[in-house]
Every structure is written in C-alpha cells, then in structure tokens.
Amino acid sequence: MWHVVLPYLVACGPTLSISDLSPQAAPVVWAAGDQVCVVQPADGRSGDTAYYGSGAAVANRIARVIVEHQNVKVIRIDDQPHVLEACAARRGTYAVVPRIMRWERRSNAVVYAERVKLEISLLRSEGQKPLRSVSFEMKDSRPNILISPHDLLPEAFDDAVLRLLAPG
C-alpha cells in the first residue's frame, strides 16, 4: 500500500510563499518608546466553517515576534475603519493589521490538507496609507497519522512579520 500512498505524500509536501504586496511608502524608523498595536483579525473561514480562535492565534503570534523588538499590545476592534484611532487611543505609534484571506483544514483517511493565506499591513497611527504590506501563504499536506493537525503558522511566518517590521 505504501508504494501507492508515498508518491502522493511526496507530491503534497509543504509550500510556502512570502511576498511584499506594496512598495514602502516611507521609511520605518523605530524609536525606543514606540508602541505597536496588533489588531486581532476576524476568525478565518472556509465556506461555512469558521475556525474559531484563528484570529487570536494570528494576532498573538505576531505580537510574540514583535515583543522581541518593540513594545506591543494586542487590541480587538470590531469597527475596522477606526483601527488607527483605537491604536492612537492606546498610545500606539504603529498598527499591524492582519487579514485572514483563507484558513482551512481538511482531512481524509490518508492526509491532512491545510492552507492559510494572510495579508499583514503596517500603518503609522497618524497616516492612512500602509507603510508596507506582506502576504503569507502556506499550503501543506501531511500523513493523517495523528488526530490533531499541525500548526498552520510555522517558523517562516515569523520571517514574514520581521520583513514587515524591517527598518529603512
């Protein structure tokens, strides 16, 4: 049986894409006291399925990366057009605004098929245009040996966040 399944599994290994979506509008210059607000996005959906907690997982993961470099607060805002005002009210200098474009996990008898696509933007609290935006996409299929699927945000996700924060 493995001679039938193994070629399928090898062909379905992980694929990862990180790309800059927009040119940098202005240089990012970090000051020692800058506060970064990470906006918690809405939970990811695929069809009629909502992946509850995925928005919090994305925001907390971004915050974990940023806290190594800057002061950070995770904020939850229901009114997305007022993100910058909410960040400024919390003394934030910059806002990191992730959007979950796709989040899905499917399983069958042989493999887990997982896919996530995110867009992450960095904005200055007194500006409207993003300073920079990054896209992160992960597709993976793994043998369906364990009951729980693996993390859709691998270590490479941290690289996407760091690319977003890079000065200059």
N, C-alpha and C. Protein backbone atom coordinates (compact mmCIF):
# COMPACT_ATOMS: atom_id res chain seq x y z
N MET A 1 0.81 -1.18 0.00
CA MET A 1 0.00 0.00 0.00
C MET A 1 0.86 1.26 0.00
N TRP A 2 2.00 1.25 0.72
CA TRP A 2 2.84 2.45 0.78
C TRP A 2 3.38 2.86 -0.57
N HIS A 3 3.55 1.91 -1.50
CA HIS A 3 4.04 2.29 -2.82
C HIS A 3 3.00 3.09 -3.60
N VAL A 4 1.74 3.03 -3.20
CA VAL A 4 0.69 3.83 -3.81
C VAL A 4 0.56 5.17 -3.08
N VAL A 5 0.65 5.16 -1.77
CA VAL A 5 0.44 6.36 -0.96
C VAL A 5 1.66 7.26 -0.95
N LEU A 6 2.87 6.71 -0.86
CA LEU A 6 4.09 7.50 -0.72
C LEU A 6 4.29 8.52 -1.84
N PRO A 7 4.13 8.17 -3.13
CA PRO A 7 4.30 9.21 -4.16
C PRO A 7 3.30 10.36 -3.99
N TYR A 8 2.09 10.06 -3.54
CA TYR A 8 1.09 11.10 -3.31
C TYR A 8 1.53 12.04 -2.19
N LEU A 9 2.08 11.49 -1.13
CA LEU A 9 2.53 12.29 0.00
C LEU A 9 3.73 13.15 -0.35
N VAL A 10 4.66 12.62 -1.13
CA VAL A 10 5.83 13.38 -1.53
C VAL A 10 5.42 14.55 -2.40
N ALA A 11 4.44 14.34 -3.26
CA ALA A 11 3.97 15.41 -4.15
C ALA A 11 3.20 16.48 -3.39
N CYS A 12 2.77 16.20 -2.17
CA CYS A 12 1.94 17.14 -1.42
C CYS A 12 2.68 17.72 -0.23
N GLY A 13 3.98 17.91 -0.32
CA GLY A 13 4.73 18.49 0.78
C GLY A 13 4.38 19.95 0.97
N PRO A 14 4.96 20.58 2.00
CA PRO A 14 4.61 21.97 2.28
C PRO A 14 5.12 22.92 1.21
N THR A 15 4.33 23.94 0.91
CA THR A 15 4.76 25.03 0.04
C THR A 15 4.50 26.32 0.80
N LEU A 16 5.40 27.25 0.66
CA LEU A 16 5.36 28.49 1.42
C LEU A 16 5.64 29.65 0.49
N SER A 17 4.91 30.73 0.67
CA SER A 17 5.12 31.92 -0.13
C SER A 17 5.05 33.14 0.78
N ILE A 18 6.07 33.97 0.74
CA ILE A 18 6.07 35.26 1.45
C ILE A 18 6.41 36.30 0.40
N SER A 19 5.56 37.30 0.25
CA SER A 19 5.84 38.31 -0.76
C SER A 19 5.42 39.69 -0.26
N ASP A 20 6.16 40.69 -0.73
CA ASP A 20 5.82 42.08 -0.43
C ASP A 20 4.70 42.47 -1.38
N LEU A 21 3.62 43.03 -0.83
CA LEU A 21 2.47 43.41 -1.65
C LEU A 21 2.55 44.83 -2.18
N SER A 22 3.20 45.71 -1.44
CA SER A 22 3.25 47.11 -1.86
C SER A 22 4.62 47.68 -1.56
N PRO A 23 5.03 48.65 -2.38
CA PRO A 23 6.31 49.29 -2.07
C PRO A 23 6.19 50.10 -0.79
N GLN A 24 7.31 50.29 -0.17
CA GLN A 24 7.34 51.06 1.08
C GLN A 24 7.04 52.52 0.76
N ALA A 25 6.03 53.10 1.41
CA ALA A 25 5.64 54.48 1.17
C ALA A 25 6.58 55.46 1.86
N ALA A 26 7.10 55.09 3.01
CA ALA A 26 8.01 55.94 3.78
C ALA A 26 8.89 55.03 4.62
N PRO A 27 10.09 55.49 4.95
CA PRO A 27 10.95 54.64 5.77
C PRO A 27 10.35 54.44 7.16
N VAL A 28 10.56 53.25 7.70
CA VAL A 28 10.11 52.95 9.05
C VAL A 28 11.29 53.20 9.98
N VAL A 29 11.10 54.15 10.88
CA VAL A 29 12.15 54.49 11.84
C VAL A 29 11.58 54.23 13.23
N TRP A 30 12.15 53.25 13.92
CA TRP A 30 11.66 52.87 15.23
C TRP A 30 12.33 53.69 16.31
N ALA A 31 11.54 54.30 17.19
CA ALA A 31 12.06 55.00 18.37
C ALA A 31 11.94 54.05 19.56
N ALA A 32 12.73 54.31 20.58
CA ALA A 32 12.78 53.42 21.74
C ALA A 32 11.42 53.23 22.40
N GLY A 33 10.61 54.27 22.48
CA GLY A 33 9.34 54.17 23.19
C GLY A 33 8.14 53.87 22.31
N ASP A 34 8.36 53.55 21.04
CA ASP A 34 7.23 53.29 20.14
C ASP A 34 6.42 52.09 20.61
N GLN A 35 5.12 52.28 20.61
CA GLN A 35 4.17 51.21 20.96
C GLN A 35 3.56 50.70 19.66
N VAL A 36 3.50 49.39 19.49
CA VAL A 36 2.91 48.77 18.31
C VAL A 36 1.63 48.08 18.72
N CYS A 37 0.53 48.41 18.04
CA CYS A 37 -0.75 47.75 18.28
C CYS A 37 -0.92 46.66 17.22
N VAL A 38 -1.20 45.46 17.65
CA VAL A 38 -1.51 44.37 16.72
C VAL A 38 -3.02 44.17 16.79
N VAL A 39 -3.68 44.38 15.68
CA VAL A 39 -5.13 44.25 15.62
C VAL A 39 -5.49 42.78 15.43
N GLN A 40 -6.37 42.29 16.27
CA GLN A 40 -6.81 40.89 16.15
C GLN A 40 -7.80 40.80 14.99
N PRO A 41 -7.48 40.01 13.96
CA PRO A 41 -8.40 39.91 12.83
C PRO A 41 -9.59 39.02 13.14
N ALA A 42 -10.59 39.10 12.27
CA ALA A 42 -11.73 38.19 12.38
C ALA A 42 -11.23 36.77 12.16
N ASP A 43 -11.91 35.80 12.75
CA ASP A 43 -11.54 34.40 12.58
C ASP A 43 -11.60 34.00 11.11
N GLY A 44 -10.69 33.10 10.73
CA GLY A 44 -10.66 32.60 9.37
C GLY A 44 -11.87 31.75 9.06
N ARG A 45 -12.25 31.73 7.79
CA ARG A 45 -13.40 30.95 7.33
C ARG A 45 -13.03 30.20 6.06
N SER A 46 -13.69 29.11 5.87
CA SER A 46 -13.62 28.37 4.62
C SER A 46 -15.01 27.83 4.37
N GLY A 47 -15.68 28.39 3.38
CA GLY A 47 -17.07 28.00 3.15
C GLY A 47 -17.92 28.38 4.34
N ASP A 48 -18.64 27.43 4.90
CA ASP A 48 -19.49 27.68 6.06
C ASP A 48 -18.78 27.42 7.38
N THR A 49 -17.51 27.05 7.33
CA THR A 49 -16.78 26.71 8.55
C THR A 49 -15.96 27.90 9.03
N ALA A 50 -16.18 28.30 10.27
CA ALA A 50 -15.35 29.34 10.91
C ALA A 50 -14.36 28.64 11.81
N TYR A 51 -13.10 29.00 11.72
CA TYR A 51 -12.06 28.42 12.55
C TYR A 51 -11.88 29.33 13.76
N TYR A 52 -12.70 29.08 14.78
CA TYR A 52 -12.74 29.92 15.97
C TYR A 52 -11.38 29.93 16.67
N GLY A 53 -10.95 31.13 17.01
CA GLY A 53 -9.67 31.29 17.67
C GLY A 53 -8.52 31.54 16.72
N SER A 54 -8.75 31.40 15.41
CA SER A 54 -7.66 31.60 14.46
C SER A 54 -7.23 33.07 14.41
N GLY A 55 -8.17 34.01 14.57
CA GLY A 55 -7.81 35.43 14.60
C GLY A 55 -6.92 35.75 15.80
N ALA A 56 -7.27 35.20 16.95
CA ALA A 56 -6.45 35.40 18.16
C ALA A 56 -5.09 34.73 17.99
N ALA A 57 -5.05 33.56 17.36
CA ALA A 57 -3.78 32.86 17.15
C ALA A 57 -2.84 33.69 16.27
N VAL A 58 -3.38 34.30 15.22
CA VAL A 58 -2.57 35.13 14.33
C VAL A 58 -2.05 36.36 15.08
N ALA A 59 -2.94 37.07 15.77
CA ALA A 59 -2.54 38.29 16.50
C ALA A 59 -1.51 37.98 17.58
N ASN A 60 -1.72 36.92 18.33
CA ASN A 60 -0.78 36.56 19.40
C ASN A 60 0.57 36.14 18.85
N ARG A 61 0.57 35.45 17.71
CA ARG A 61 1.84 35.04 17.10
C ARG A 61 2.61 36.25 16.61
N ILE A 62 1.91 37.20 15.98
CA ILE A 62 2.57 38.43 15.53
C ILE A 62 3.13 39.19 16.72
N ALA A 63 2.34 39.31 17.79
CA ALA A 63 2.79 40.01 19.00
C ALA A 63 4.02 39.35 19.60
N ARG A 64 4.06 38.02 19.58
CA ARG A 64 5.21 37.29 20.13
C ARG A 64 6.49 37.62 19.37
N VAL A 65 6.37 37.82 18.06
CA VAL A 65 7.55 38.18 17.26
C VAL A 65 7.95 39.63 17.53
N ILE A 66 6.95 40.52 17.58
CA ILE A 66 7.24 41.94 17.74
C ILE A 66 7.81 42.26 19.12
N VAL A 67 7.34 41.58 20.16
CA VAL A 67 7.76 41.90 21.53
C VAL A 67 9.27 41.74 21.71
N GLU A 68 9.91 40.99 20.86
CA GLU A 68 11.36 40.84 20.93
C GLU A 68 12.08 42.11 20.45
N HIS A 69 11.33 42.99 19.74
CA HIS A 69 11.95 44.18 19.14
C HIS A 69 11.33 45.49 19.61
N GLN A 70 10.04 45.48 19.93
CA GLN A 70 9.32 46.70 20.29
C GLN A 70 8.28 46.41 21.36
N ASN A 71 7.75 47.48 21.97
CA ASN A 71 6.61 47.35 22.88
C ASN A 71 5.39 47.01 22.04
N VAL A 72 4.54 46.13 22.54
CA VAL A 72 3.40 45.69 21.73
C VAL A 72 2.17 45.47 22.60
N LYS A 73 1.00 45.75 22.01
CA LYS A 73 -0.29 45.46 22.62
C LYS A 73 -1.17 44.82 21.56
N VAL A 74 -1.87 43.76 21.92
CA VAL A 74 -2.86 43.17 21.02
C VAL A 74 -4.18 43.83 21.34
N ILE A 75 -4.84 44.36 20.31
CA ILE A 75 -6.13 45.02 20.52
C ILE A 75 -7.18 44.37 19.64
N ARG A 76 -8.39 44.33 20.14
CA ARG A 76 -9.51 43.78 19.39
C ARG A 76 -10.43 44.92 19.04
N ILE A 77 -10.69 45.11 17.76
CA ILE A 77 -11.51 46.21 17.29
C ILE A 77 -12.59 45.64 16.38
N ASP A 78 -13.83 45.88 16.72
CA ASP A 78 -14.93 45.41 15.88
C ASP A 78 -15.18 46.32 14.69
N ASP A 79 -14.81 47.60 14.81
CA ASP A 79 -15.04 48.58 13.76
C ASP A 79 -13.72 48.84 13.03
N GLN A 80 -13.44 48.07 12.00
CA GLN A 80 -12.16 48.13 11.30
C GLN A 80 -11.79 49.51 10.75
N PRO A 81 -12.75 50.33 10.29
CA PRO A 81 -12.35 51.66 9.79
C PRO A 81 -11.72 52.55 10.86
N HIS A 82 -11.89 52.22 12.13
CA HIS A 82 -11.36 53.04 13.21
C HIS A 82 -10.14 52.42 13.89
N VAL A 83 -9.42 51.59 13.17
CA VAL A 83 -8.24 50.92 13.71
C VAL A 83 -7.20 51.93 14.18
N LEU A 84 -6.91 52.92 13.34
CA LEU A 84 -5.86 53.87 13.68
C LEU A 84 -6.22 54.72 14.89
N GLU A 85 -7.49 55.13 14.99
CA GLU A 85 -7.92 55.91 16.15
C GLU A 85 -7.82 55.07 17.41
N ALA A 86 -8.21 53.81 17.34
CA ALA A 86 -8.14 52.92 18.50
C ALA A 86 -6.69 52.69 18.92
N CYS A 87 -5.80 52.56 17.95
CA CYS A 87 -4.39 52.37 18.26
C CYS A 87 -3.81 53.63 18.91
N ALA A 88 -4.14 54.79 18.36
CA ALA A 88 -3.65 56.06 18.92
C ALA A 88 -4.18 56.26 20.34
N ALA A 89 -5.43 55.85 20.60
CA ALA A 89 -6.01 55.98 21.94
C ALA A 89 -5.27 55.12 22.95
N ARG A 90 -4.62 54.05 22.48
CA ARG A 90 -3.82 53.19 23.35
C ARG A 90 -2.34 53.56 23.30
N ARG A 91 -2.07 54.77 22.84
CA ARG A 91 -0.72 55.32 22.73
C ARG A 91 0.16 54.56 21.76
N GLY A 92 -0.47 53.98 20.74
CA GLY A 92 0.28 53.26 19.73
C GLY A 92 0.82 54.17 18.66
N THR A 93 2.05 53.93 18.25
CA THR A 93 2.67 54.68 17.17
C THR A 93 2.43 54.00 15.84
N TYR A 94 2.43 52.67 15.85
CA TYR A 94 2.22 51.87 14.64
C TYR A 94 1.12 50.86 14.90
N ALA A 95 0.43 50.49 13.82
CA ALA A 95 -0.58 49.43 13.90
C ALA A 95 -0.22 48.34 12.89
N VAL A 96 -0.24 47.11 13.35
CA VAL A 96 -0.07 45.95 12.46
C VAL A 96 -1.45 45.35 12.28
N VAL A 97 -1.90 45.33 11.03
CA VAL A 97 -3.26 44.91 10.73
C VAL A 97 -3.23 43.66 9.83
N PRO A 98 -3.44 42.49 10.43
CA PRO A 98 -3.50 41.27 9.62
C PRO A 98 -4.93 41.00 9.12
N ARG A 99 -5.03 40.40 7.97
CA ARG A 99 -6.32 39.95 7.44
C ARG A 99 -6.16 38.49 7.02
N ILE A 100 -7.04 37.65 7.53
CA ILE A 100 -7.03 36.23 7.13
C ILE A 100 -7.85 36.11 5.85
N MET A 101 -7.18 35.80 4.76
CA MET A 101 -7.85 35.65 3.47
C MET A 101 -8.42 34.24 3.31
N ARG A 102 -7.69 33.26 3.87
CA ARG A 102 -8.12 31.87 3.78
C ARG A 102 -7.52 31.10 4.94
N TRP A 103 -8.29 30.22 5.53
CA TRP A 103 -7.82 29.37 6.62
C TRP A 103 -8.63 28.10 6.56
N GLU A 104 -8.00 26.99 6.25
CA GLU A 104 -8.78 25.76 6.18
C GLU A 104 -7.93 24.55 6.54
N ARG A 105 -8.62 23.58 7.09
CA ARG A 105 -8.02 22.29 7.42
C ARG A 105 -9.02 21.23 6.98
N ARG A 106 -8.58 20.34 6.15
CA ARG A 106 -9.44 19.24 5.71
C ARG A 106 -8.69 17.95 5.89
N SER A 107 -9.41 16.91 6.23
CA SER A 107 -8.74 15.62 6.39
C SER A 107 -9.56 14.54 5.72
N ASN A 108 -8.84 13.53 5.27
CA ASN A 108 -9.47 12.31 4.79
C ASN A 108 -8.69 11.15 5.41
N ALA A 109 -8.88 9.98 4.92
CA ALA A 109 -8.25 8.80 5.52
C ALA A 109 -6.73 8.81 5.38
N VAL A 110 -6.20 9.54 4.40
CA VAL A 110 -4.77 9.48 4.12
C VAL A 110 -4.00 10.71 4.60
N VAL A 111 -4.49 11.92 4.33
CA VAL A 111 -3.72 13.14 4.62
C VAL A 111 -4.58 14.23 5.24
N TYR A 112 -3.89 15.17 5.90
CA TYR A 112 -4.47 16.45 6.28
C TYR A 112 -4.07 17.42 5.19
N ALA A 113 -5.01 18.15 4.65
CA ALA A 113 -4.70 19.22 3.71
C ALA A 113 -4.98 20.52 4.45
N GLU A 114 -3.99 21.37 4.53
CA GLU A 114 -4.11 22.61 5.28
C GLU A 114 -3.67 23.77 4.40
N ARG A 115 -4.33 24.92 4.59
CA ARG A 115 -3.96 26.08 3.81
C ARG A 115 -4.30 27.34 4.58
N VAL A 116 -3.40 28.29 4.56
CA VAL A 116 -3.64 29.59 5.17
C VAL A 116 -3.07 30.66 4.24
N LYS A 117 -3.79 31.76 4.13
CA LYS A 117 -3.30 32.91 3.37
C LYS A 117 -3.64 34.15 4.17
N LEU A 118 -2.63 34.97 4.45
CA LEU A 118 -2.79 36.19 5.24
C LEU A 118 -2.16 37.37 4.51
N GLU A 119 -2.73 38.54 4.75
CA GLU A 119 -2.11 39.79 4.35
C GLU A 119 -1.91 40.58 5.63
N ILE A 120 -0.71 41.13 5.79
CA ILE A 120 -0.38 41.88 7.00
C ILE A 120 0.13 43.25 6.58
N SER A 121 -0.45 44.31 7.14
CA SER A 121 -0.05 45.68 6.80
C SER A 121 0.47 46.39 8.04
N LEU A 122 1.44 47.26 7.82
CA LEU A 122 1.99 48.11 8.87
C LEU A 122 1.60 49.54 8.56
N LEU A 123 0.93 50.19 9.52
CA LEU A 123 0.49 51.58 9.34
C LEU A 123 1.02 52.43 10.49
N ARG A 124 1.27 53.70 10.22
CA ARG A 124 1.59 54.65 11.27
C ARG A 124 0.26 55.19 11.77
N SER A 125 0.13 55.38 13.08
CA SER A 125 -1.17 55.73 13.66
C SER A 125 -1.74 57.06 13.14
N GLU A 126 -0.88 57.97 12.64
CA GLU A 126 -1.43 59.22 12.12
C GLU A 126 -1.53 59.22 10.59
N GLY A 127 -1.31 58.09 9.94
CA GLY A 127 -1.40 58.02 8.48
C GLY A 127 -2.48 57.04 8.04
N GLN A 128 -2.86 57.14 6.78
CA GLN A 128 -3.90 56.25 6.25
C GLN A 128 -3.33 55.17 5.34
N LYS A 129 -2.21 55.47 4.69
CA LYS A 129 -1.63 54.52 3.75
C LYS A 129 -0.69 53.57 4.47
N PRO A 130 -0.73 52.28 4.12
CA PRO A 130 0.21 51.34 4.72
C PRO A 130 1.66 51.71 4.38
N LEU A 131 2.53 51.60 5.36
CA LEU A 131 3.96 51.80 5.11
C LEU A 131 4.51 50.62 4.31
N ARG A 132 3.96 49.45 4.63
CA ARG A 132 4.36 48.25 3.88
C ARG A 132 3.35 47.17 4.16
N SER A 133 3.21 46.24 3.21
CA SER A 133 2.30 45.10 3.35
C SER A 133 3.02 43.84 2.89
N VAL A 134 2.71 42.75 3.57
CA VAL A 134 3.33 41.46 3.27
C VAL A 134 2.22 40.41 3.16
N SER A 135 2.41 39.48 2.24
CA SER A 135 1.48 38.36 2.10
C SER A 135 2.19 37.09 2.55
N PHE A 136 1.46 36.24 3.26
CA PHE A 136 2.00 34.96 3.72
C PHE A 136 1.01 33.88 3.30
N GLU A 137 1.51 32.84 2.63
CA GLU A 137 0.65 31.73 2.23
C GLU A 137 1.36 30.42 2.51
N MET A 138 0.64 29.49 3.11
CA MET A 138 1.18 28.17 3.45
C MET A 138 0.18 27.12 3.00
N LYS A 139 0.67 26.16 2.26
CA LYS A 139 -0.13 25.00 1.87
C LYS A 139 0.64 23.77 2.28
N ASP A 140 -0.04 22.81 2.83
CA ASP A 140 0.66 21.62 3.30
C ASP A 140 -0.29 20.43 3.33
N SER A 141 0.24 19.29 3.06
CA SER A 141 -0.47 18.02 3.24
C SER A 141 0.47 17.09 3.97
N ARG A 142 -0.04 16.46 4.99
CA ARG A 142 0.77 15.56 5.81
C ARG A 142 0.02 14.26 6.02
N PRO A 143 0.76 13.20 6.32
CA PRO A 143 0.09 11.93 6.60
C PRO A 143 -0.90 12.08 7.76
N ASN A 144 -2.04 11.48 7.62
CA ASN A 144 -3.09 11.55 8.63
C ASN A 144 -2.86 10.48 9.67
N ILE A 145 -1.76 10.63 10.44
CA ILE A 145 -1.41 9.64 11.46
C ILE A 145 -1.94 10.07 12.81
N LEU A 146 -1.81 11.35 13.13
CA LEU A 146 -2.28 11.88 14.41
C LEU A 146 -3.66 12.51 14.24
N ILE A 147 -4.39 12.61 15.32
CA ILE A 147 -5.72 13.19 15.27
C ILE A 147 -5.68 14.70 15.09
N SER A 148 -4.77 15.39 15.77
CA SER A 148 -4.75 16.85 15.69
C SER A 148 -3.84 17.33 14.57
N PRO A 149 -4.30 18.32 13.77
CA PRO A 149 -3.46 18.85 12.70
C PRO A 149 -2.34 19.72 13.25
N HIS A 150 -1.29 19.90 12.46
CA HIS A 150 -0.15 20.71 12.91
C HIS A 150 -0.46 22.20 12.80
N ASP A 151 0.42 23.01 13.29
CA ASP A 151 0.26 24.46 13.32
C ASP A 151 0.36 25.03 11.91
N LEU A 152 -0.63 25.83 11.52
CA LEU A 152 -0.61 26.46 10.20
C LEU A 152 0.32 27.66 10.12
N LEU A 153 0.87 28.09 11.24
CA LEU A 153 1.78 29.22 11.25
C LEU A 153 3.17 28.73 11.66
N PRO A 154 3.93 28.21 10.69
CA PRO A 154 5.26 27.69 11.01
C PRO A 154 6.24 28.82 11.30
N GLU A 155 7.47 28.46 11.59
CA GLU A 155 8.50 29.45 11.90
C GLU A 155 8.69 30.47 10.79
N ALA A 156 8.42 30.08 9.57
CA ALA A 156 8.56 31.01 8.44
C ALA A 156 7.59 32.18 8.54
N PHE A 157 6.49 32.01 9.27
CA PHE A 157 5.56 33.11 9.50
C PHE A 157 6.26 34.24 10.23
N ASP A 158 7.13 33.90 11.17
CA ASP A 158 7.90 34.90 11.90
C ASP A 158 8.74 35.73 10.94
N ASP A 159 9.29 35.10 9.90
CA ASP A 159 10.08 35.81 8.90
C ASP A 159 9.23 36.84 8.16
N ALA A 160 7.98 36.49 7.87
CA ALA A 160 7.08 37.43 7.19
C ALA A 160 6.84 38.65 8.08
N VAL A 161 6.63 38.42 9.37
CA VAL A 161 6.40 39.53 10.31
C VAL A 161 7.66 40.39 10.40
N LEU A 162 8.83 39.77 10.48
CA LEU A 162 10.08 40.53 10.55
C LEU A 162 10.32 41.34 9.27
N ARG A 163 9.93 40.81 8.13
CA ARG A 163 10.06 41.54 6.87
C ARG A 163 9.18 42.79 6.92
N LEU A 164 8.01 42.65 7.50
CA LEU A 164 7.10 43.78 7.64
C LEU A 164 7.70 44.88 8.52
N LEU A 165 8.43 44.48 9.56
CA LEU A 165 8.97 45.42 10.53
C LEU A 165 10.34 45.98 10.18
N ALA A 166 10.97 45.47 9.16
CA ALA A 166 12.35 45.86 8.83
C ALA A 166 12.46 47.38 8.67
N PRO A 167 13.42 48.00 9.35
CA PRO A 167 13.58 49.46 9.21
C PRO A 167 14.13 49.83 7.85
N GLY A 168 13.96 51.10 7.51
CA GLY A 168 14.53 51.64 6.28
C GLY A 168 13.75 51.38 5.05
